[in-house]
Amino acid sequence: MVGSVLTAAPVATPGQIIRTLDGLLVQGHEGDWVLTTADGQILRVVSAAVLEQGYEPVEDAALAIPGMIVRQLEDRLGPGACRTPESLLAAVRRLAQIGVGEVEIAFSPGQLEEIAHRARRNNRTVEQELQWIVRRLEDDLFHGGTPRGIVGRI
């Protein structure tokens, strides 16, 4: 259950016998904590010292991401992107914006999906599609929207 979010509650009645998920009968003592799974099953009974040393408290706003999802995220965002909350945020920011110098262009999720769709349709990666978009902007801004290399009128 590494990485699983558990709930810890103090033993309600010292001396009480508690049956754990694996069928063990454990006597709870004052100061002990009962660890339960997300579906309310009792995983184990631990002392306050074990709880403090072996488990990390999760804030109310915390997000637990299962390992399979972490692997999928890192396949998209790059190895190590999910190592810390800060590295995940940085990877998402890199994915969700284009920067031109100090100016950042942030895309909505719908716009990012459209870019990904266009990339698949054009047999390009999302990065290649974004590079194409930047070249198109350059053409529109600096070449008046005409293809480079064409001079004069026909």
N, C-alpha and C. Protein backbone atom coordinates (compact mmCIF):
# COMPACT_ATOMS: atom_id res chain seq x y z
N MET A 1 0.82 -1.19 0.00
CA MET A 1 0.00 0.00 0.00
C MET A 1 0.87 1.26 0.00
N VAL A 2 2.08 1.14 -0.51
CA VAL A 2 2.96 2.30 -0.58
C VAL A 2 2.31 3.36 -1.44
N GLY A 3 2.26 4.59 -0.92
CA GLY A 3 1.69 5.70 -1.67
C GLY A 3 0.20 5.84 -1.51
N SER A 4 -0.45 4.86 -0.84
CA SER A 4 -1.89 4.96 -0.65
C SER A 4 -2.21 5.95 0.45
N VAL A 5 -3.35 6.58 0.34
CA VAL A 5 -3.78 7.51 1.37
C VAL A 5 -4.59 6.71 2.39
N LEU A 6 -4.15 6.78 3.63
CA LEU A 6 -4.82 6.10 4.73
C LEU A 6 -5.39 7.12 5.69
N THR A 7 -6.35 6.70 6.49
CA THR A 7 -6.89 7.55 7.53
C THR A 7 -6.41 7.02 8.87
N ALA A 8 -5.96 7.91 9.74
CA ALA A 8 -5.51 7.51 11.08
C ALA A 8 -6.48 8.10 12.10
N ALA A 9 -6.92 7.24 13.00
CA ALA A 9 -7.80 7.69 14.08
C ALA A 9 -7.30 7.08 15.38
N PRO A 10 -7.39 7.81 16.49
CA PRO A 10 -6.93 7.23 17.75
C PRO A 10 -7.79 6.03 18.14
N VAL A 11 -7.18 5.08 18.84
CA VAL A 11 -7.92 3.92 19.34
C VAL A 11 -9.04 4.45 20.22
N ALA A 12 -10.27 4.03 19.94
CA ALA A 12 -11.43 4.56 20.65
C ALA A 12 -11.46 4.11 22.12
N THR A 13 -11.18 2.86 22.36
CA THR A 13 -11.23 2.33 23.73
C THR A 13 -9.95 1.54 23.99
N PRO A 14 -9.05 2.06 24.85
CA PRO A 14 -7.83 1.30 25.16
C PRO A 14 -8.20 -0.10 25.66
N GLY A 15 -7.43 -1.09 25.19
CA GLY A 15 -7.68 -2.48 25.54
C GLY A 15 -8.59 -3.19 24.55
N GLN A 16 -9.20 -2.43 23.67
CA GLN A 16 -10.12 -3.02 22.68
C GLN A 16 -9.35 -3.92 21.72
N ILE A 17 -9.98 -5.03 21.31
CA ILE A 17 -9.39 -5.95 20.34
C ILE A 17 -9.87 -5.52 18.95
N ILE A 18 -8.92 -5.35 18.03
CA ILE A 18 -9.22 -4.85 16.69
C ILE A 18 -8.77 -5.88 15.67
N ARG A 19 -9.64 -6.22 14.71
CA ARG A 19 -9.30 -7.17 13.64
C ARG A 19 -8.82 -6.35 12.44
N THR A 20 -7.60 -6.66 11.97
CA THR A 20 -7.03 -5.96 10.82
C THR A 20 -7.46 -6.61 9.52
N LEU A 21 -7.19 -5.97 8.43
CA LEU A 21 -7.55 -6.43 7.09
C LEU A 21 -7.02 -7.84 6.80
N ASP A 22 -5.82 -8.16 7.30
CA ASP A 22 -5.25 -9.48 7.06
C ASP A 22 -5.68 -10.51 8.11
N GLY A 23 -6.64 -10.16 8.97
CA GLY A 23 -7.22 -11.12 9.92
C GLY A 23 -6.56 -11.17 11.28
N LEU A 24 -5.51 -10.39 11.50
CA LEU A 24 -4.86 -10.39 12.81
C LEU A 24 -5.75 -9.71 13.84
N LEU A 25 -5.69 -10.21 15.07
CA LEU A 25 -6.38 -9.55 16.19
C LEU A 25 -5.33 -8.80 16.98
N VAL A 26 -5.52 -7.51 17.15
CA VAL A 26 -4.55 -6.64 17.80
C VAL A 26 -5.25 -5.91 18.94
N GLN A 27 -4.57 -5.83 20.08
CA GLN A 27 -5.12 -5.07 21.19
C GLN A 27 -4.64 -3.64 21.09
N GLY A 28 -5.58 -2.70 21.05
CA GLY A 28 -5.23 -1.29 20.98
C GLY A 28 -4.92 -0.72 22.34
N HIS A 29 -3.94 0.11 22.44
CA HIS A 29 -3.53 0.73 23.70
C HIS A 29 -3.74 2.24 23.61
N GLU A 30 -3.74 2.87 24.74
CA GLU A 30 -3.86 4.33 24.77
C GLU A 30 -2.69 4.92 23.99
N GLY A 31 -2.98 5.87 23.10
CA GLY A 31 -1.95 6.49 22.29
C GLY A 31 -1.74 5.81 20.94
N ASP A 32 -2.34 4.62 20.77
CA ASP A 32 -2.23 3.92 19.48
C ASP A 32 -3.19 4.54 18.46
N TRP A 33 -2.89 4.29 17.20
CA TRP A 33 -3.70 4.80 16.10
C TRP A 33 -4.15 3.65 15.20
N VAL A 34 -5.39 3.73 14.73
CA VAL A 34 -5.94 2.75 13.81
C VAL A 34 -5.85 3.33 12.40
N LEU A 35 -5.16 2.61 11.52
CA LEU A 35 -5.02 3.05 10.13
C LEU A 35 -6.04 2.31 9.27
N THR A 36 -6.86 3.07 8.54
CA THR A 36 -7.87 2.47 7.68
C THR A 36 -7.66 2.88 6.23
N THR A 37 -8.09 2.02 5.33
CA THR A 37 -7.98 2.29 3.90
C THR A 37 -9.11 3.23 3.49
N ALA A 38 -9.07 3.67 2.23
CA ALA A 38 -10.09 4.60 1.71
C ALA A 38 -11.49 4.01 1.82
N ASP A 39 -11.61 2.68 1.75
CA ASP A 39 -12.94 2.07 1.84
C ASP A 39 -13.29 1.65 3.27
N GLY A 40 -12.51 2.12 4.27
CA GLY A 40 -12.85 1.92 5.67
C GLY A 40 -12.35 0.64 6.31
N GLN A 41 -11.55 -0.15 5.59
CA GLN A 41 -11.03 -1.39 6.17
C GLN A 41 -9.82 -1.08 7.05
N ILE A 42 -9.74 -1.76 8.19
CA ILE A 42 -8.64 -1.52 9.13
C ILE A 42 -7.39 -2.23 8.62
N LEU A 43 -6.37 -1.45 8.34
CA LEU A 43 -5.12 -2.00 7.81
C LEU A 43 -4.23 -2.47 8.95
N ARG A 44 -4.01 -1.60 9.93
CA ARG A 44 -3.15 -1.96 11.07
C ARG A 44 -3.37 -0.98 12.22
N VAL A 45 -2.81 -1.35 13.36
CA VAL A 45 -2.81 -0.51 14.55
C VAL A 45 -1.35 -0.19 14.84
N VAL A 46 -1.03 1.11 15.01
CA VAL A 46 0.36 1.50 15.23
C VAL A 46 0.45 2.45 16.41
N SER A 47 1.64 2.52 16.99
CA SER A 47 1.88 3.47 18.08
C SER A 47 2.03 4.88 17.50
N ALA A 48 1.96 5.86 18.36
CA ALA A 48 2.12 7.25 17.93
C ALA A 48 3.51 7.46 17.31
N ALA A 49 4.53 6.81 17.88
CA ALA A 49 5.89 6.96 17.36
C ALA A 49 6.00 6.38 15.95
N VAL A 50 5.41 5.21 15.70
CA VAL A 50 5.44 4.59 14.37
C VAL A 50 4.67 5.47 13.39
N LEU A 51 3.53 5.98 13.83
CA LEU A 51 2.74 6.85 12.96
C LEU A 51 3.55 8.07 12.54
N GLU A 52 4.23 8.68 13.49
CA GLU A 52 5.00 9.90 13.21
C GLU A 52 6.20 9.63 12.31
N GLN A 53 6.88 8.49 12.53
CA GLN A 53 8.08 8.20 11.77
C GLN A 53 7.81 7.54 10.42
N GLY A 54 6.74 6.76 10.31
CA GLY A 54 6.53 5.96 9.12
C GLY A 54 5.49 6.47 8.15
N TYR A 55 4.78 7.52 8.52
CA TYR A 55 3.69 8.00 7.67
C TYR A 55 3.77 9.51 7.53
N GLU A 56 3.38 9.96 6.38
CA GLU A 56 3.41 11.40 6.09
C GLU A 56 1.98 11.94 6.11
N PRO A 57 1.74 12.97 6.91
CA PRO A 57 0.39 13.55 6.91
C PRO A 57 0.07 14.16 5.54
N VAL A 58 -1.17 14.05 5.14
CA VAL A 58 -1.63 14.61 3.87
C VAL A 58 -2.54 15.78 4.18
N GLU A 59 -2.27 16.91 3.54
CA GLU A 59 -3.12 18.08 3.73
C GLU A 59 -4.46 17.86 3.06
N ASP A 60 -5.47 18.58 3.51
CA ASP A 60 -6.81 18.43 2.93
C ASP A 60 -6.81 18.64 1.42
N ALA A 61 -5.99 19.54 0.92
CA ALA A 61 -5.99 19.85 -0.51
C ALA A 61 -5.03 18.96 -1.29
N ALA A 62 -4.46 17.95 -0.63
CA ALA A 62 -3.47 17.10 -1.28
C ALA A 62 -4.13 16.17 -2.30
N LEU A 63 -3.35 15.77 -3.27
CA LEU A 63 -3.81 14.87 -4.32
C LEU A 63 -2.90 13.66 -4.33
N ALA A 64 -3.47 12.48 -4.12
CA ALA A 64 -2.70 11.24 -4.20
C ALA A 64 -2.85 10.69 -5.62
N ILE A 65 -1.73 10.47 -6.29
CA ILE A 65 -1.76 10.00 -7.67
C ILE A 65 -1.25 8.57 -7.70
N PRO A 66 -2.08 7.63 -8.14
CA PRO A 66 -1.64 6.23 -8.21
C PRO A 66 -0.44 6.08 -9.15
N GLY A 67 0.40 5.06 -8.88
CA GLY A 67 1.62 4.84 -9.65
C GLY A 67 1.39 4.72 -11.14
N MET A 68 0.32 4.05 -11.55
CA MET A 68 0.03 3.88 -12.97
C MET A 68 -0.19 5.24 -13.64
N ILE A 69 -0.88 6.14 -12.94
CA ILE A 69 -1.13 7.48 -13.49
C ILE A 69 0.17 8.28 -13.51
N VAL A 70 1.00 8.14 -12.49
CA VAL A 70 2.30 8.83 -12.46
C VAL A 70 3.12 8.41 -13.68
N ARG A 71 3.15 7.12 -13.98
CA ARG A 71 3.91 6.65 -15.15
C ARG A 71 3.36 7.25 -16.44
N GLN A 72 2.04 7.33 -16.56
CA GLN A 72 1.44 7.92 -17.76
C GLN A 72 1.77 9.40 -17.86
N LEU A 73 1.73 10.10 -16.73
CA LEU A 73 2.08 11.52 -16.73
C LEU A 73 3.53 11.71 -17.15
N GLU A 74 4.43 10.89 -16.60
CA GLU A 74 5.84 11.03 -16.93
C GLU A 74 6.14 10.62 -18.37
N ASP A 75 5.32 9.73 -18.94
CA ASP A 75 5.46 9.42 -20.36
C ASP A 75 5.18 10.67 -21.20
N ARG A 76 4.23 11.48 -20.77
CA ARG A 76 3.86 12.70 -21.50
C ARG A 76 4.75 13.88 -21.15
N LEU A 77 5.07 14.02 -19.84
CA LEU A 77 5.75 15.23 -19.37
C LEU A 77 7.26 15.07 -19.26
N GLY A 78 7.75 13.84 -19.29
CA GLY A 78 9.18 13.60 -19.17
C GLY A 78 9.52 12.92 -17.86
N PRO A 79 10.62 12.15 -17.85
CA PRO A 79 11.04 11.43 -16.65
C PRO A 79 11.28 12.38 -15.49
N GLY A 80 10.81 12.01 -14.30
CA GLY A 80 11.02 12.82 -13.11
C GLY A 80 10.05 13.97 -12.95
N ALA A 81 9.13 14.13 -13.89
CA ALA A 81 8.20 15.27 -13.82
C ALA A 81 7.31 15.21 -12.60
N CYS A 82 7.06 14.01 -12.08
CA CYS A 82 6.16 13.86 -10.93
C CYS A 82 6.91 13.63 -9.63
N ARG A 83 8.19 13.91 -9.61
CA ARG A 83 9.00 13.67 -8.41
C ARG A 83 8.52 14.52 -7.23
N THR A 84 8.19 15.78 -7.49
CA THR A 84 7.69 16.67 -6.44
C THR A 84 6.52 17.47 -7.00
N PRO A 85 5.69 18.03 -6.14
CA PRO A 85 4.61 18.88 -6.65
C PRO A 85 5.14 20.03 -7.51
N GLU A 86 6.29 20.59 -7.12
CA GLU A 86 6.86 21.71 -7.87
C GLU A 86 7.32 21.27 -9.27
N SER A 87 7.93 20.07 -9.37
CA SER A 87 8.38 19.61 -10.68
C SER A 87 7.19 19.27 -11.57
N LEU A 88 6.10 18.76 -10.99
CA LEU A 88 4.89 18.49 -11.77
C LEU A 88 4.30 19.79 -12.30
N LEU A 89 4.22 20.80 -11.45
CA LEU A 89 3.69 22.10 -11.87
C LEU A 89 4.55 22.70 -12.98
N ALA A 90 5.87 22.62 -12.84
CA ALA A 90 6.76 23.17 -13.87
C ALA A 90 6.57 22.44 -15.20
N ALA A 91 6.41 21.12 -15.16
CA ALA A 91 6.22 20.35 -16.39
C ALA A 91 4.90 20.70 -17.06
N VAL A 92 3.85 20.88 -16.27
CA VAL A 92 2.55 21.26 -16.83
C VAL A 92 2.63 22.65 -17.44
N ARG A 93 3.32 23.56 -16.76
CA ARG A 93 3.47 24.91 -17.32
C ARG A 93 4.22 24.89 -18.64
N ARG A 94 5.28 24.07 -18.72
CA ARG A 94 6.03 23.96 -19.98
C ARG A 94 5.13 23.43 -21.09
N LEU A 95 4.30 22.46 -20.76
CA LEU A 95 3.42 21.87 -21.75
C LEU A 95 2.34 22.84 -22.20
N ALA A 96 1.87 23.65 -21.28
CA ALA A 96 0.67 24.45 -21.54
C ALA A 96 0.94 25.86 -22.03
N GLN A 97 2.16 26.16 -22.44
CA GLN A 97 2.42 27.53 -22.89
C GLN A 97 3.54 27.58 -23.91
N ILE A 98 3.51 28.65 -24.66
CA ILE A 98 4.61 28.96 -25.56
C ILE A 98 5.18 30.27 -25.06
N GLY A 99 6.48 30.39 -25.08
CA GLY A 99 7.10 31.63 -24.68
C GLY A 99 7.84 32.26 -25.83
N VAL A 100 7.70 33.56 -25.96
CA VAL A 100 8.45 34.32 -26.94
C VAL A 100 9.17 35.39 -26.13
N GLY A 101 10.46 35.16 -25.89
CA GLY A 101 11.18 36.07 -25.01
C GLY A 101 10.57 36.01 -23.62
N GLU A 102 10.19 37.15 -23.09
CA GLU A 102 9.59 37.23 -21.76
C GLU A 102 8.08 37.06 -21.80
N VAL A 103 7.49 37.00 -22.99
CA VAL A 103 6.04 36.90 -23.14
C VAL A 103 5.65 35.43 -23.20
N GLU A 104 4.70 35.05 -22.35
CA GLU A 104 4.20 33.68 -22.36
C GLU A 104 2.79 33.65 -22.92
N ILE A 105 2.53 32.68 -23.77
CA ILE A 105 1.20 32.50 -24.32
C ILE A 105 0.62 31.25 -23.67
N ALA A 106 -0.34 31.44 -22.77
CA ALA A 106 -0.95 30.30 -22.07
C ALA A 106 -2.15 29.80 -22.87
N PHE A 107 -2.23 28.49 -23.03
CA PHE A 107 -3.34 27.88 -23.76
C PHE A 107 -4.33 27.27 -22.79
N SER A 108 -5.59 27.31 -23.15
CA SER A 108 -6.62 26.63 -22.35
C SER A 108 -6.52 25.13 -22.65
N PRO A 109 -7.09 24.28 -21.80
CA PRO A 109 -7.07 22.84 -22.08
C PRO A 109 -7.68 22.51 -23.45
N GLY A 110 -8.74 23.20 -23.83
CA GLY A 110 -9.35 22.96 -25.14
C GLY A 110 -8.42 23.33 -26.28
N GLN A 111 -7.70 24.42 -26.14
CA GLN A 111 -6.75 24.83 -27.17
C GLN A 111 -5.59 23.83 -27.27
N LEU A 112 -5.14 23.34 -26.12
CA LEU A 112 -4.06 22.33 -26.13
C LEU A 112 -4.53 21.06 -26.81
N GLU A 113 -5.77 20.66 -26.55
CA GLU A 113 -6.31 19.46 -27.21
C GLU A 113 -6.41 19.68 -28.71
N GLU A 114 -6.79 20.89 -29.13
CA GLU A 114 -6.86 21.19 -30.57
C GLU A 114 -5.47 21.12 -31.20
N ILE A 115 -4.46 21.64 -30.51
CA ILE A 115 -3.09 21.58 -31.02
C ILE A 115 -2.64 20.12 -31.12
N ALA A 116 -2.95 19.32 -30.11
CA ALA A 116 -2.59 17.90 -30.14
C ALA A 116 -3.30 17.20 -31.29
N HIS A 117 -4.57 17.53 -31.52
CA HIS A 117 -5.33 16.95 -32.62
C HIS A 117 -4.70 17.30 -33.97
N ARG A 118 -4.35 18.57 -34.14
CA ARG A 118 -3.71 19.01 -35.38
C ARG A 118 -2.37 18.30 -35.58
N ALA A 119 -1.63 18.14 -34.47
CA ALA A 119 -0.33 17.46 -34.56
C ALA A 119 -0.52 16.02 -35.05
N ARG A 120 -1.50 15.31 -34.47
CA ARG A 120 -1.74 13.93 -34.92
C ARG A 120 -2.16 13.90 -36.39
N ARG A 121 -3.05 14.82 -36.77
CA ARG A 121 -3.54 14.87 -38.15
C ARG A 121 -2.40 15.14 -39.13
N ASN A 122 -1.42 15.93 -38.72
CA ASN A 122 -0.30 16.31 -39.58
C ASN A 122 0.93 15.42 -39.38
N ASN A 123 0.77 14.33 -38.64
CA ASN A 123 1.89 13.42 -38.36
C ASN A 123 3.07 14.13 -37.72
N ARG A 124 2.78 15.01 -36.76
CA ARG A 124 3.83 15.73 -36.05
C ARG A 124 3.64 15.52 -34.56
N THR A 125 4.70 15.77 -33.80
CA THR A 125 4.57 15.78 -32.34
C THR A 125 3.94 17.12 -31.96
N VAL A 126 3.49 17.21 -30.72
CA VAL A 126 2.93 18.49 -30.26
C VAL A 126 4.00 19.57 -30.33
N GLU A 127 5.23 19.23 -29.97
CA GLU A 127 6.31 20.22 -30.04
C GLU A 127 6.53 20.69 -31.47
N GLN A 128 6.51 19.76 -32.42
CA GLN A 128 6.68 20.14 -33.83
C GLN A 128 5.52 21.02 -34.29
N GLU A 129 4.32 20.70 -33.83
CA GLU A 129 3.16 21.51 -34.20
C GLU A 129 3.29 22.92 -33.63
N LEU A 130 3.76 23.03 -32.40
CA LEU A 130 3.96 24.35 -31.80
C LEU A 130 5.04 25.13 -32.55
N GLN A 131 6.10 24.45 -32.98
CA GLN A 131 7.13 25.12 -33.77
C GLN A 131 6.55 25.62 -35.09
N TRP A 132 5.67 24.84 -35.70
CA TRP A 132 5.01 25.26 -36.93
C TRP A 132 4.16 26.49 -36.68
N ILE A 133 3.45 26.52 -35.55
CA ILE A 133 2.61 27.68 -35.20
C ILE A 133 3.47 28.93 -35.04
N VAL A 134 4.62 28.78 -34.37
CA VAL A 134 5.52 29.92 -34.18
C VAL A 134 6.03 30.43 -35.53
N ARG A 135 6.42 29.50 -36.42
CA ARG A 135 6.87 29.92 -37.76
C ARG A 135 5.75 30.66 -38.50
N ARG A 136 4.53 30.19 -38.35
CA ARG A 136 3.38 30.84 -39.00
C ARG A 136 3.20 32.25 -38.45
N LEU A 137 3.33 32.41 -37.14
CA LEU A 137 3.26 33.75 -36.53
C LEU A 137 4.35 34.65 -37.10
N GLU A 138 5.56 34.11 -37.20
CA GLU A 138 6.66 34.89 -37.77
C GLU A 138 6.33 35.33 -39.18
N ASP A 139 5.81 34.41 -39.99
CA ASP A 139 5.45 34.74 -41.37
C ASP A 139 4.39 35.84 -41.40
N ASP A 140 3.37 35.70 -40.58
CA ASP A 140 2.29 36.69 -40.56
C ASP A 140 2.79 38.05 -40.10
N LEU A 141 3.65 38.05 -39.10
CA LEU A 141 4.12 39.32 -38.54
C LEU A 141 5.18 40.00 -39.40
N PHE A 142 6.12 39.21 -39.91
CA PHE A 142 7.28 39.82 -40.55
C PHE A 142 7.31 39.70 -42.07
N HIS A 143 6.43 38.89 -42.61
CA HIS A 143 6.44 38.70 -44.05
C HIS A 143 5.07 38.98 -44.66
N GLY A 144 4.23 39.64 -43.91
CA GLY A 144 2.91 40.03 -44.42
C GLY A 144 2.01 38.88 -44.79
N GLY A 145 2.25 37.72 -44.22
CA GLY A 145 1.41 36.57 -44.50
C GLY A 145 1.71 35.89 -45.81
N THR A 146 2.73 36.37 -46.55
CA THR A 146 3.07 35.71 -47.82
C THR A 146 4.19 34.73 -47.56
N PRO A 147 4.22 33.66 -48.31
CA PRO A 147 5.32 32.69 -48.14
C PRO A 147 6.65 33.36 -48.43
N ARG A 148 7.67 32.96 -47.69
CA ARG A 148 9.00 33.51 -47.90
C ARG A 148 9.51 33.11 -49.28
N GLY A 149 10.26 33.98 -49.88
CA GLY A 149 10.86 33.68 -51.16
C GLY A 149 10.04 34.13 -52.35
N ILE A 150 8.81 34.53 -52.14
CA ILE A 150 7.98 35.01 -53.26
C ILE A 150 8.10 36.52 -53.31
N VAL A 151 8.52 37.05 -54.44
CA VAL A 151 8.72 38.47 -54.59
C VAL A 151 7.85 38.97 -55.74
N GLY A 152 7.23 40.12 -55.51
CA GLY A 152 6.44 40.74 -56.59
C GLY A 152 5.08 40.12 -56.74
N ARG A 153 4.36 40.62 -57.76
CA ARG A 153 3.00 40.15 -58.04
C ARG A 153 2.95 39.49 -59.40
N ILE A 154 2.02 38.62 -59.52
CA ILE A 154 1.85 37.94 -60.80
C ILE A 154 0.69 38.55 -61.54
